[in-house]
Amino acid sequence: MPETDGNPTAEETAAAAAAATDPATQAAAAVKATADLQAELDQVKARAFQLEIDALHTANPDLPDAAFTGDDLATVQASVTSARATADHVRQQIEDARNGAAANPAAAAAAVAAATGAGVTRTPAGPPEGTTGLDRIKFGLAQRS
């Protein structure tokens, strides 16, 4: 018990000094300090994770909240990337529909083919009569360019 002036007694001071040098007491203090540091680290990681999600949400305000869920940052980023690609694709389809483009890819391909004459069959010109070997190959390559 402390003395009347509030200072510890000599016996209490000696007991505190003995406890400070006792290996078991030191080990217990180290374990407690480690547990405290681990708890603090976990809190910091959780806060950083939430800040990352908030930043992603701020950068992508048009995405639904479901896109920002996951157990770790990589999962959340992949989810946001996938949702962003889907949203952009849908947005592009809506724009195409507004601008009169065909919503059906097959119909769009048919429209392009009709506009460019892709459905027309042509007979390719062959090499001149009597061309053989490497000259035929050269002629064929020249036609491709």
C-alpha atoms as a PDB file:
ATOM      1  CA  MET A   1       0.000   0.000   0.000  1.00  0.00           C
ATOM      2  CA  PRO A   2       1.428   3.458  -0.842  1.00  0.00           C
ATOM      3  CA  GLU A   3       2.645   5.704   1.898  1.00  0.00           C
ATOM      4  CA  THR A   4       0.492   8.585   3.039  1.00  0.00           C
ATOM      5  CA  ASP A   5       2.202  10.958   0.610  1.00  0.00           C
ATOM      6  CA  GLY A   6       1.162   8.753  -2.336  1.00  0.00           C
ATOM      7  CA  ASN A   7       4.616   7.340  -3.078  1.00  0.00           C
ATOM      8  CA  PRO A   8       5.122   3.555  -3.140  1.00  0.00           C
ATOM      9  CA  THR A   9       6.776   1.954  -0.164  1.00  0.00           C
ATOM     10  CA  ALA A  10      10.253   0.470  -0.351  1.00  0.00           C
ATOM     11  CA  GLU A  11       8.779  -3.030  -0.431  1.00  0.00           C
ATOM     12  CA  GLU A  12       6.475  -2.131  -3.348  1.00  0.00           C
ATOM     13  CA  THR A  13       9.373  -0.580  -5.233  1.00  0.00           C
ATOM     14  CA  ALA A  14      11.480  -3.695  -4.663  1.00  0.00           C
ATOM     15  CA  ALA A  15       8.610  -5.964  -5.758  1.00  0.00           C
ATOM     16  CA  ALA A  16       8.090  -3.914  -8.939  1.00  0.00           C
ATOM     17  CA  ALA A  17      11.805  -4.074  -9.714  1.00  0.00           C
ATOM     18  CA  ALA A  18      11.840  -7.842  -9.145  1.00  0.00           C
ATOM     19  CA  ALA A  19       8.807  -8.293 -11.390  1.00  0.00           C
ATOM     20  CA  ALA A  20      10.454  -6.202 -14.108  1.00  0.00           C
ATOM     21  CA  THR A  21      13.476  -8.503 -14.140  1.00  0.00           C
ATOM     22  CA  ASP A  22      11.453 -11.731 -13.855  1.00  0.00           C
ATOM     23  CA  PRO A  23      11.580 -13.566 -17.238  1.00  0.00           C
ATOM     24  CA  ALA A  24       8.019 -14.851 -16.911  1.00  0.00           C
ATOM     25  CA  THR A  25       6.724 -11.352 -16.281  1.00  0.00           C
ATOM     26  CA  GLN A  26       8.746  -9.998 -19.194  1.00  0.00           C
ATOM     27  CA  ALA A  27       7.453 -12.744 -21.475  1.00  0.00           C
ATOM     28  CA  ALA A  28       3.854 -12.051 -20.449  1.00  0.00           C
ATOM     29  CA  ALA A  29       4.368  -8.331 -21.095  1.00  0.00           C
ATOM     30  CA  ALA A  30       5.885  -9.091 -24.507  1.00  0.00           C
ATOM     31  CA  VAL A  31       2.961 -11.363 -25.431  1.00  0.00           C
ATOM     32  CA  LYS A  32       0.484  -8.673 -24.403  1.00  0.00           C
ATOM     33  CA  ALA A  33       2.409  -6.031 -26.366  1.00  0.00           C
ATOM     34  CA  THR A  34       2.457  -8.303 -29.431  1.00  0.00           C
ATOM     35  CA  ALA A  35      -1.275  -8.930 -29.164  1.00  0.00           C
ATOM     36  CA  ASP A  36      -1.901  -5.190 -28.818  1.00  0.00           C
ATOM     37  CA  LEU A  37       0.247  -4.458 -31.876  1.00  0.00           C
ATOM     38  CA  GLN A  38      -1.503  -7.182 -33.898  1.00  0.00           C
ATOM     39  CA  ALA A  39      -4.898  -5.753 -32.984  1.00  0.00           C
ATOM     40  CA  GLU A  40      -3.720  -2.286 -34.010  1.00  0.00           C
ATOM     41  CA  LEU A  41      -2.342  -3.657 -37.296  1.00  0.00           C
ATOM     42  CA  ASP A  42      -5.656  -5.385 -38.023  1.00  0.00           C
ATOM     43  CA  GLN A  43      -7.499  -2.111 -37.417  1.00  0.00           C
ATOM     44  CA  VAL A  44      -5.132  -0.232 -39.732  1.00  0.00           C
ATOM     45  CA  LYS A  45      -5.549  -2.874 -42.471  1.00  0.00           C
ATOM     46  CA  ALA A  46      -9.334  -2.753 -42.149  1.00  0.00           C
ATOM     47  CA  ARG A  47      -9.291   1.033 -42.374  1.00  0.00           C
ATOM     48  CA  ALA A  48      -6.992   0.985 -45.423  1.00  0.00           C
ATOM     49  CA  PHE A  49      -9.239  -1.609 -47.095  1.00  0.00           C
ATOM     50  CA  GLN A  50     -12.285   0.575 -46.483  1.00  0.00           C
ATOM     51  CA  LEU A  51     -10.475   3.642 -47.836  1.00  0.00           C
ATOM     52  CA  GLU A  52      -9.579   1.726 -51.023  1.00  0.00           C
ATOM     53  CA  ILE A  53     -13.198   0.661 -51.481  1.00  0.00           C
ATOM     54  CA  ASP A  54     -14.361   4.238 -50.880  1.00  0.00           C
ATOM     55  CA  ALA A  55     -11.888   5.469 -53.509  1.00  0.00           C
ATOM     56  CA  LEU A  56     -13.122   2.873 -56.016  1.00  0.00           C
ATOM     57  CA  HIS A  57     -16.715   3.850 -55.241  1.00  0.00           C
ATOM     58  CA  THR A  58     -15.903   7.524 -55.755  1.00  0.00           C
ATOM     59  CA  ALA A  59     -14.207   6.759 -59.082  1.00  0.00           C
ATOM     60  CA  ASN A  60     -17.163   4.620 -60.230  1.00  0.00           C
ATOM     61  CA  PRO A  61     -20.313   6.235 -58.808  1.00  0.00           C
ATOM     62  CA  ASP A  62     -22.584   4.697 -61.450  1.00  0.00           C
ATOM     63  CA  LEU A  63     -21.808   1.104 -60.453  1.00  0.00           C
ATOM     64  CA  PRO A  64     -24.074  -0.753 -58.013  1.00  0.00           C
ATOM     65  CA  ASP A  65     -22.915  -1.372 -54.430  1.00  0.00           C
ATOM     66  CA  ALA A  66     -22.708  -5.099 -55.157  1.00  0.00           C
ATOM     67  CA  ALA A  67     -19.674  -4.400 -57.360  1.00  0.00           C
ATOM     68  CA  PHE A  68     -17.707  -3.231 -54.319  1.00  0.00           C
ATOM     69  CA  THR A  69     -17.881  -6.438 -52.287  1.00  0.00           C
ATOM     70  CA  GLY A  70     -15.189  -9.013 -51.679  1.00  0.00           C
ATOM     71  CA  ASP A  71     -12.883 -10.479 -49.076  1.00  0.00           C
ATOM     72  CA  ASP A  72      -9.740  -8.716 -50.253  1.00  0.00           C
ATOM     73  CA  LEU A  73      -8.730  -5.778 -52.402  1.00  0.00           C
ATOM     74  CA  ALA A  74      -7.861  -7.896 -55.454  1.00  0.00           C
ATOM     75  CA  THR A  75     -11.331  -9.461 -55.439  1.00  0.00           C
ATOM     76  CA  VAL A  76     -13.018  -6.072 -55.132  1.00  0.00           C
ATOM     77  CA  GLN A  77     -10.883  -4.613 -57.928  1.00  0.00           C
ATOM     78  CA  ALA A  78     -11.710  -7.544 -60.211  1.00  0.00           C
ATOM     79  CA  SER A  79     -15.403  -7.160 -59.408  1.00  0.00           C
ATOM     80  CA  VAL A  80     -15.310  -3.422 -60.158  1.00  0.00           C
ATOM     81  CA  THR A  81     -13.405  -4.014 -63.411  1.00  0.00           C
ATOM     82  CA  SER A  82     -15.961  -6.596 -64.519  1.00  0.00           C
ATOM     83  CA  ALA A  83     -18.887  -4.362 -63.565  1.00  0.00           C
ATOM     84  CA  ARG A  84     -17.265  -1.404 -65.357  1.00  0.00           C
ATOM     85  CA  ALA A  85     -16.853  -3.478 -68.548  1.00  0.00           C
ATOM     86  CA  THR A  86     -20.470  -4.621 -68.380  1.00  0.00           C
ATOM     87  CA  ALA A  87     -21.744  -1.087 -67.751  1.00  0.00           C
ATOM     88  CA  ASP A  88     -19.677   0.293 -70.626  1.00  0.00           C
ATOM     89  CA  HIS A  89     -20.919  -2.457 -72.957  1.00  0.00           C
ATOM     90  CA  VAL A  90     -24.550  -1.807 -72.054  1.00  0.00           C
ATOM     91  CA  ARG A  91     -24.022   1.939 -72.397  1.00  0.00           C
ATOM     92  CA  GLN A  92     -22.536   1.389 -75.870  1.00  0.00           C
ATOM     93  CA  GLN A  93     -25.478  -0.772 -76.916  1.00  0.00           C
ATOM     94  CA  ILE A  94     -27.898   1.920 -75.763  1.00  0.00           C
ATOM     95  CA  GLU A  95     -25.971   4.554 -77.720  1.00  0.00           C
ATOM     96  CA  ASP A  96     -25.960   2.331 -80.796  1.00  0.00           C
ATOM     97  CA  ALA A  97     -29.718   1.838 -80.495  1.00  0.00           C
ATOM     98  CA  ARG A  98     -30.241   5.596 -80.192  1.00  0.00           C
ATOM     99  CA  ASN A  99     -28.086   6.192 -83.246  1.00  0.00           C
ATOM    100  CA  GLY A 100     -29.954   3.587 -85.288  1.00  0.00           C
ATOM    101  CA  ALA A 101     -27.246   0.918 -85.337  1.00  0.00           C
ATOM    102  CA  ALA A 102     -28.412  -2.662 -85.328  1.00  0.00           C
ATOM    103  CA  ALA A 103     -28.568  -4.225 -81.890  1.00  0.00           C
ATOM    104  CA  ASN A 104     -28.067  -7.694 -83.320  1.00  0.00           C
ATOM    105  CA  PRO A 105     -24.406  -8.415 -84.226  1.00  0.00           C
ATOM    106  CA  ALA A 106     -25.476 -10.600 -87.167  1.00  0.00           C
ATOM    107  CA  ALA A 107     -27.710  -7.841 -88.479  1.00  0.00           C
ATOM    108  CA  ALA A 108     -24.895  -5.318 -87.993  1.00  0.00           C
ATOM    109  CA  ALA A 109     -22.509  -7.579 -89.927  1.00  0.00           C
ATOM    110  CA  ALA A 110     -25.080  -7.965 -92.705  1.00  0.00           C
ATOM    111  CA  ALA A 111     -25.506  -4.189 -92.873  1.00  0.00           C
ATOM    112  CA  VAL A 112     -21.751  -3.710 -93.156  1.00  0.00           C
ATOM    113  CA  ALA A 113     -21.513  -6.419 -95.822  1.00  0.00           C
ATOM    114  CA  ALA A 114     -24.293  -4.811 -97.835  1.00  0.00           C
ATOM    115  CA  ALA A 115     -22.690  -1.391 -97.557  1.00  0.00           C
ATOM    116  CA  THR A 116     -19.249  -2.610 -98.610  1.00  0.00           C
ATOM    117  CA  GLY A 117     -20.334  -5.173-101.205  1.00  0.00           C
ATOM    118  CA  ALA A 118     -18.812  -8.019 -99.195  1.00  0.00           C
ATOM    119  CA  GLY A 119     -21.360 -10.493-100.493  1.00  0.00           C
ATOM    120  CA  VAL A 120     -20.147 -10.130-104.107  1.00  0.00           C
ATOM    121  CA  THR A 121     -18.168 -13.069-105.400  1.00  0.00           C
ATOM    122  CA  ARG A 122     -15.127 -12.389-107.521  1.00  0.00           C
ATOM    123  CA  THR A 123     -12.916 -14.665-109.501  1.00  0.00           C
ATOM    124  CA  PRO A 124      -9.331 -13.954-108.521  1.00  0.00           C
ATOM    125  CA  ALA A 125      -6.877 -13.339-111.309  1.00  0.00           C
ATOM    126  CA  GLY A 126      -4.443 -16.177-111.698  1.00  0.00           C
ATOM    127  CA  PRO A 127      -0.802 -15.963-112.635  1.00  0.00           C
ATOM    128  CA  PRO A 128       0.054 -15.527-116.305  1.00  0.00           C
ATOM    129  CA  GLU A 129       0.146 -18.647-118.484  1.00  0.00           C
ATOM    130  CA  GLY A 130       3.299 -20.676-118.107  1.00  0.00           C
ATOM    131  CA  THR A 131       4.299 -19.208-114.708  1.00  0.00           C
ATOM    132  CA  THR A 132       5.803 -21.866-112.458  1.00  0.00           C
ATOM    133  CA  GLY A 133       7.600 -22.301-109.138  1.00  0.00           C
ATOM    134  CA  LEU A 134       8.790 -19.218-107.313  1.00  0.00           C
ATOM    135  CA  ASP A 135       7.245 -16.899-109.884  1.00  0.00           C
ATOM    136  CA  ARG A 136       3.779 -18.241-108.979  1.00  0.00           C
ATOM    137  CA  ILE A 137       4.519 -17.623-105.290  1.00  0.00           C
ATOM    138  CA  LYS A 138       5.741 -14.088-106.012  1.00  0.00           C
ATOM    139  CA  PHE A 139       2.612 -13.396-108.037  1.00  0.00           C
ATOM    140  CA  GLY A 140       0.389 -14.664-105.218  1.00  0.00           C
ATOM    141  CA  LEU A 141       2.155 -12.565-102.620  1.00  0.00           C
ATOM    142  CA  ALA A 142       1.950  -9.496-104.830  1.00  0.00           C
ATOM    143  CA  GLN A 143      -1.826  -9.956-105.095  1.00  0.00           C
ATOM    144  CA  ARG A 144      -2.249  -9.998-101.299  1.00  0.00           C
ATOM    145  CA  SER A 145      -0.642  -6.593-100.752  1.00  0.00           C
END
